Amino acid sequence: MMKPALPILAFALLAGCAAQPQPPQQVAAAQNSVCLNTYFIDHTSIPDDKTILFSMRDGTMWQNSLPASCPGLAFQGGFEYTTSFDEVCSNAQTIRVLRQNSECMLGAFTPYAAPKAQ
């Protein structure tokens, strides 16, 4: 007679998934880290081997300044990361450069405003 509980459990799980994720926010932690919810990341751009720009779905942008140059990052044009919590956090995660297998540590996230055209 355990079958009736399965649909209830499935509904409870689906109801929990339907909740709206929270927008990116600054997390007050000992190392003043900022975490971005991966759901809200629209795309990234890589101006150089030490900078990644995260464009968010709401139009805001965050700059991550890597603590050291990440060879091949701009040339390869991409990276990947693994996360268990659907967040990308400053000073706490590594990225892996595509087609190169080199790993680099993320640095600090700061709000970014594109330079105004003159």
N, C-alpha and C. Protein backbone atom coordinates (compact mmCIF):
# COMPACT_ATOMS: atom_id res chain seq x y z
N MET A 1 0.81 -1.19 0.00
CA MET A 1 0.00 0.00 0.00
C MET A 1 0.86 1.26 0.00
N MET A 2 2.07 1.18 -0.44
CA MET A 2 2.96 2.34 -0.46
C MET A 2 2.76 3.18 -1.72
N LYS A 3 2.04 2.69 -2.71
CA LYS A 3 1.90 3.41 -3.97
C LYS A 3 1.25 4.78 -3.83
N PRO A 4 0.20 4.98 -2.99
CA PRO A 4 -0.40 6.31 -2.89
C PRO A 4 0.59 7.37 -2.40
N ALA A 5 1.58 7.00 -1.63
CA ALA A 5 2.54 7.98 -1.12
C ALA A 5 3.46 8.49 -2.21
N LEU A 6 3.71 7.69 -3.24
CA LEU A 6 4.62 8.10 -4.31
C LEU A 6 4.11 9.34 -5.05
N PRO A 7 2.83 9.41 -5.48
CA PRO A 7 2.37 10.63 -6.15
C PRO A 7 2.45 11.86 -5.23
N ILE A 8 2.19 11.68 -3.95
CA ILE A 8 2.28 12.81 -3.02
C ILE A 8 3.72 13.28 -2.91
N LEU A 9 4.66 12.35 -2.83
CA LEU A 9 6.07 12.70 -2.75
C LEU A 9 6.50 13.41 -4.03
N ALA A 10 6.08 12.89 -5.18
CA ALA A 10 6.43 13.51 -6.46
C ALA A 10 5.87 14.92 -6.55
N PHE A 11 4.62 15.12 -6.11
CA PHE A 11 4.02 16.46 -6.11
C PHE A 11 4.78 17.40 -5.20
N ALA A 12 5.17 16.93 -4.04
CA ALA A 12 5.93 17.77 -3.10
C ALA A 12 7.26 18.18 -3.71
N LEU A 13 7.93 17.27 -4.40
CA LEU A 13 9.20 17.59 -5.04
C LEU A 13 9.00 18.59 -6.17
N LEU A 14 7.95 18.41 -6.98
CA LEU A 14 7.68 19.34 -8.07
C LEU A 14 7.30 20.71 -7.54
N ALA A 15 6.53 20.75 -6.48
CA ALA A 15 6.14 22.03 -5.90
C ALA A 15 7.37 22.77 -5.39
N GLY A 16 8.32 22.05 -4.82
CA GLY A 16 9.56 22.68 -4.35
C GLY A 16 10.39 23.21 -5.50
N CYS A 17 10.38 22.53 -6.65
CA CYS A 17 11.15 22.97 -7.81
C CYS A 17 10.51 24.18 -8.48
N ALA A 18 9.21 24.36 -8.30
CA ALA A 18 8.52 25.46 -8.95
C ALA A 18 8.78 26.80 -8.28
N ALA A 19 9.33 26.78 -7.09
CA ALA A 19 9.62 28.04 -6.39
C ALA A 19 10.63 28.86 -7.18
N GLN A 20 10.44 30.16 -7.20
CA GLN A 20 11.35 31.04 -7.93
C GLN A 20 12.68 31.14 -7.21
N PRO A 21 13.79 30.99 -7.92
CA PRO A 21 15.10 31.15 -7.30
C PRO A 21 15.32 32.60 -6.88
N GLN A 22 16.15 32.78 -5.91
CA GLN A 22 16.45 34.11 -5.42
C GLN A 22 17.43 34.81 -6.36
N PRO A 23 17.31 36.14 -6.51
CA PRO A 23 18.24 36.87 -7.38
C PRO A 23 19.64 36.87 -6.81
N PRO A 24 20.64 37.25 -7.64
CA PRO A 24 22.02 37.28 -7.14
C PRO A 24 22.08 38.19 -5.92
N GLN A 25 22.85 37.81 -4.98
CA GLN A 25 22.97 38.62 -3.79
C GLN A 25 24.33 38.49 -3.18
N GLN A 26 24.67 39.50 -2.43
CA GLN A 26 25.95 39.47 -1.72
C GLN A 26 25.74 38.68 -0.45
N VAL A 27 26.63 37.77 -0.19
CA VAL A 27 26.53 36.93 0.98
C VAL A 27 27.53 37.43 2.02
N ALA A 28 27.04 37.71 3.20
CA ALA A 28 27.93 38.17 4.26
C ALA A 28 28.61 36.95 4.86
N ALA A 29 29.84 36.76 4.51
CA ALA A 29 30.62 35.64 5.02
C ALA A 29 31.94 36.16 5.53
N ALA A 30 32.69 35.30 6.16
CA ALA A 30 33.97 35.72 6.73
C ALA A 30 34.88 36.31 5.66
N GLN A 31 34.87 35.75 4.43
CA GLN A 31 35.75 36.27 3.40
C GLN A 31 35.04 37.25 2.47
N ASN A 32 33.86 37.76 2.89
CA ASN A 32 33.09 38.72 2.09
C ASN A 32 32.87 38.22 0.67
N SER A 33 32.47 36.99 0.53
CA SER A 33 32.28 36.44 -0.80
C SER A 33 30.94 36.87 -1.39
N VAL A 34 30.90 36.92 -2.70
CA VAL A 34 29.67 37.17 -3.43
C VAL A 34 29.38 35.90 -4.20
N CYS A 35 28.13 35.46 -4.16
CA CYS A 35 27.72 34.27 -4.91
C CYS A 35 26.65 34.66 -5.90
N LEU A 36 26.77 34.18 -7.12
CA LEU A 36 25.78 34.41 -8.16
C LEU A 36 25.02 33.12 -8.39
N ASN A 37 23.70 33.21 -8.39
CA ASN A 37 22.87 32.05 -8.68
C ASN A 37 23.01 31.72 -10.16
N THR A 38 23.37 30.50 -10.49
CA THR A 38 23.63 30.12 -11.88
C THR A 38 22.38 30.27 -12.76
N TYR A 39 21.21 30.17 -12.18
CA TYR A 39 19.97 30.34 -12.94
C TYR A 39 19.88 31.73 -13.55
N PHE A 40 20.44 32.73 -12.89
CA PHE A 40 20.34 34.11 -13.34
C PHE A 40 21.46 34.54 -14.27
N ILE A 41 22.46 33.67 -14.50
CA ILE A 41 23.55 34.02 -15.41
C ILE A 41 23.07 33.81 -16.85
N ASP A 42 23.08 34.89 -17.64
CA ASP A 42 22.66 34.82 -19.03
C ASP A 42 23.81 34.36 -19.92
N HIS A 43 24.96 35.04 -19.77
CA HIS A 43 26.14 34.65 -20.53
C HIS A 43 27.38 35.28 -19.89
N THR A 44 28.53 34.86 -20.36
CA THR A 44 29.79 35.41 -19.88
C THR A 44 30.61 35.92 -21.06
N SER A 45 31.51 36.85 -20.79
CA SER A 45 32.48 37.27 -21.79
C SER A 45 33.84 37.35 -21.10
N ILE A 46 34.89 37.19 -21.90
CA ILE A 46 36.24 37.10 -21.35
C ILE A 46 37.14 38.10 -22.08
N PRO A 47 37.30 39.30 -21.51
CA PRO A 47 38.14 40.30 -22.18
C PRO A 47 39.63 39.99 -22.16
N ASP A 48 40.09 39.28 -21.13
CA ASP A 48 41.51 38.93 -21.03
C ASP A 48 41.65 37.72 -20.11
N ASP A 49 42.88 37.25 -19.94
CA ASP A 49 43.14 36.04 -19.15
C ASP A 49 42.96 36.23 -17.64
N LYS A 50 42.57 37.41 -17.22
CA LYS A 50 42.43 37.66 -15.78
C LYS A 50 41.05 38.21 -15.42
N THR A 51 40.14 38.30 -16.40
CA THR A 51 38.83 38.92 -16.17
C THR A 51 37.73 38.13 -16.84
N ILE A 52 36.64 37.90 -16.10
CA ILE A 52 35.44 37.29 -16.66
C ILE A 52 34.27 38.20 -16.30
N LEU A 53 33.46 38.55 -17.29
CA LEU A 53 32.26 39.35 -17.07
C LEU A 53 31.04 38.43 -17.12
N PHE A 54 30.24 38.47 -16.06
CA PHE A 54 29.03 37.67 -15.97
C PHE A 54 27.84 38.60 -16.22
N SER A 55 27.14 38.38 -17.33
CA SER A 55 25.93 39.16 -17.65
C SER A 55 24.73 38.40 -17.11
N MET A 56 23.94 39.09 -16.32
CA MET A 56 22.81 38.46 -15.66
C MET A 56 21.53 38.68 -16.46
N ARG A 57 20.55 37.85 -16.22
CA ARG A 57 19.27 37.94 -16.93
C ARG A 57 18.55 39.27 -16.67
N ASP A 58 18.81 39.90 -15.54
CA ASP A 58 18.13 41.17 -15.23
C ASP A 58 18.87 42.38 -15.80
N GLY A 59 19.94 42.14 -16.58
CA GLY A 59 20.67 43.22 -17.21
C GLY A 59 21.88 43.71 -16.43
N THR A 60 22.04 43.29 -15.19
CA THR A 60 23.22 43.69 -14.42
C THR A 60 24.42 42.86 -14.85
N MET A 61 25.59 43.36 -14.51
CA MET A 61 26.82 42.64 -14.83
C MET A 61 27.72 42.60 -13.60
N TRP A 62 28.44 41.49 -13.48
CA TRP A 62 29.43 41.30 -12.41
C TRP A 62 30.76 40.99 -13.06
N GLN A 63 31.81 41.58 -12.53
CA GLN A 63 33.16 41.29 -13.00
C GLN A 63 33.85 40.41 -11.98
N ASN A 64 34.47 39.34 -12.47
CA ASN A 64 35.31 38.54 -11.60
C ASN A 64 36.75 38.78 -12.00
N SER A 65 37.53 39.27 -11.04
CA SER A 65 38.95 39.53 -11.26
C SER A 65 39.73 38.37 -10.67
N LEU A 66 40.25 37.51 -11.54
CA LEU A 66 41.00 36.35 -11.07
C LEU A 66 42.26 36.81 -10.35
N PRO A 67 42.68 36.11 -9.30
CA PRO A 67 43.86 36.51 -8.54
C PRO A 67 45.16 36.39 -9.33
N ALA A 68 45.15 35.57 -10.37
CA ALA A 68 46.33 35.39 -11.21
C ALA A 68 45.86 35.18 -12.64
N SER A 69 46.74 35.44 -13.58
CA SER A 69 46.41 35.22 -14.98
C SER A 69 46.10 33.74 -15.21
N CYS A 70 45.10 33.47 -16.03
CA CYS A 70 44.69 32.11 -16.33
C CYS A 70 45.02 31.85 -17.80
N PRO A 71 46.20 31.29 -18.09
CA PRO A 71 46.67 31.13 -19.47
C PRO A 71 45.66 30.42 -20.37
N GLY A 72 45.40 31.05 -21.52
CA GLY A 72 44.51 30.46 -22.50
C GLY A 72 43.04 30.79 -22.32
N LEU A 73 42.68 31.43 -21.23
CA LEU A 73 41.27 31.69 -20.95
C LEU A 73 40.62 32.53 -22.06
N ALA A 74 41.22 33.66 -22.41
CA ALA A 74 40.65 34.53 -23.45
C ALA A 74 40.76 33.87 -24.83
N PHE A 75 41.88 33.23 -25.11
CA PHE A 75 42.11 32.61 -26.42
C PHE A 75 41.11 31.47 -26.67
N GLN A 76 40.92 30.62 -25.67
CA GLN A 76 40.01 29.47 -25.82
C GLN A 76 38.56 29.93 -25.80
N GLY A 77 38.30 31.09 -25.20
CA GLY A 77 36.96 31.67 -25.24
C GLY A 77 35.94 31.00 -24.36
N GLY A 78 36.36 30.24 -23.41
CA GLY A 78 35.36 29.62 -22.55
C GLY A 78 35.96 28.84 -21.40
N PHE A 79 35.10 28.51 -20.47
CA PHE A 79 35.49 27.77 -19.29
C PHE A 79 34.27 27.01 -18.79
N GLU A 80 34.53 26.11 -17.87
CA GLU A 80 33.45 25.40 -17.21
C GLU A 80 33.75 25.32 -15.73
N TYR A 81 32.71 25.07 -14.96
CA TYR A 81 32.88 24.92 -13.52
C TYR A 81 31.85 23.92 -13.03
N THR A 82 32.11 23.38 -11.88
CA THR A 82 31.20 22.44 -11.25
C THR A 82 30.75 23.04 -9.94
N THR A 83 29.45 22.97 -9.70
CA THR A 83 28.92 23.49 -8.45
C THR A 83 27.83 22.57 -7.92
N SER A 84 27.74 22.46 -6.63
CA SER A 84 26.72 21.62 -6.01
C SER A 84 25.52 22.43 -5.56
N PHE A 85 25.67 23.73 -5.47
CA PHE A 85 24.64 24.56 -4.86
C PHE A 85 24.01 25.56 -5.83
N ASP A 86 24.20 25.39 -7.13
CA ASP A 86 23.66 26.31 -8.14
C ASP A 86 24.13 27.74 -7.92
N GLU A 87 25.35 27.88 -7.42
CA GLU A 87 25.93 29.19 -7.22
C GLU A 87 27.39 29.18 -7.66
N VAL A 88 27.84 30.34 -8.13
CA VAL A 88 29.25 30.55 -8.43
C VAL A 88 29.70 31.58 -7.41
N CYS A 89 30.70 31.24 -6.60
CA CYS A 89 31.10 32.12 -5.50
C CYS A 89 32.53 32.62 -5.67
N SER A 90 32.73 33.88 -5.29
CA SER A 90 34.06 34.48 -5.38
C SER A 90 35.02 33.83 -4.40
N ASN A 91 36.27 33.77 -4.81
CA ASN A 91 37.35 33.27 -3.97
C ASN A 91 37.12 31.89 -3.39
N ALA A 92 36.24 31.09 -4.01
CA ALA A 92 35.92 29.79 -3.44
C ALA A 92 35.84 28.67 -4.47
N GLN A 93 35.90 29.00 -5.75
CA GLN A 93 35.73 27.97 -6.77
C GLN A 93 36.81 28.08 -7.83
N THR A 94 37.02 26.97 -8.49
CA THR A 94 37.94 26.97 -9.62
C THR A 94 37.14 26.81 -10.90
N ILE A 95 37.73 27.27 -11.98
CA ILE A 95 37.17 27.07 -13.31
C ILE A 95 38.18 26.25 -14.10
N ARG A 96 37.72 25.59 -15.16
CA ARG A 96 38.61 24.82 -16.02
C ARG A 96 38.49 25.40 -17.43
N VAL A 97 39.62 25.81 -17.98
CA VAL A 97 39.66 26.37 -19.33
C VAL A 97 39.33 25.27 -20.33
N LEU A 98 38.40 25.57 -21.24
CA LEU A 98 38.00 24.59 -22.25
C LEU A 98 39.17 24.19 -23.14
N ARG A 99 39.19 22.96 -23.56
CA ARG A 99 40.19 22.39 -24.47
C ARG A 99 41.63 22.51 -23.96
N GLN A 100 41.80 22.86 -22.71
CA GLN A 100 43.16 23.02 -22.21
C GLN A 100 43.38 22.28 -20.89
N ASN A 101 42.32 22.04 -20.17
CA ASN A 101 42.36 21.32 -18.90
C ASN A 101 43.10 22.05 -17.78
N SER A 102 43.44 23.33 -17.96
CA SER A 102 44.08 24.06 -16.86
C SER A 102 43.01 24.63 -15.94
N GLU A 103 43.31 24.64 -14.65
CA GLU A 103 42.37 25.14 -13.66
C GLU A 103 42.88 26.44 -13.07
N CYS A 104 41.93 27.35 -12.80
CA CYS A 104 42.26 28.64 -12.23
C CYS A 104 41.22 28.99 -11.16
N MET A 105 41.65 29.69 -10.13
CA MET A 105 40.76 30.10 -9.04
C MET A 105 40.04 31.38 -9.40
N LEU A 106 38.73 31.42 -9.11
CA LEU A 106 37.99 32.66 -9.27
C LEU A 106 38.44 33.65 -8.21
N GLY A 107 38.35 34.91 -8.53
CA GLY A 107 38.70 35.97 -7.58
C GLY A 107 37.45 36.67 -7.08
N ALA A 108 37.59 37.95 -6.81
CA ALA A 108 36.50 38.75 -6.25
C ALA A 108 35.49 39.14 -7.34
N PHE A 109 34.21 39.12 -6.97
CA PHE A 109 33.15 39.64 -7.82
C PHE A 109 32.89 41.09 -7.41
N THR A 110 32.78 41.95 -8.41
CA THR A 110 32.38 43.34 -8.17
C THR A 110 31.35 43.73 -9.21
N PRO A 111 30.41 44.60 -8.84
CA PRO A 111 29.44 45.07 -9.85
C PRO A 111 30.21 45.74 -10.99
N TYR A 112 29.71 45.59 -12.21
CA TYR A 112 30.41 46.11 -13.38
C TYR A 112 29.47 46.98 -14.19
N ALA A 113 29.96 48.12 -14.61
CA ALA A 113 29.23 49.00 -15.53
C ALA A 113 30.12 49.19 -16.74
N ALA A 114 29.60 48.90 -17.91
CA ALA A 114 30.37 49.05 -19.15
C ALA A 114 30.74 50.52 -19.34
N PRO A 115 31.96 50.77 -19.84
CA PRO A 115 32.36 52.16 -20.10
C PRO A 115 31.41 52.80 -21.11
N LYS A 116 31.09 54.06 -20.87
CA LYS A 116 30.17 54.77 -21.76
C LYS A 116 30.89 55.18 -23.03
N ALA A 117 30.21 54.99 -24.17
CA ALA A 117 30.79 55.39 -25.46
C ALA A 117 30.83 56.92 -25.54
N GLN A 118 31.88 57.45 -26.16
CA GLN A 118 32.00 58.90 -26.26
C GLN A 118 31.69 59.38 -27.64
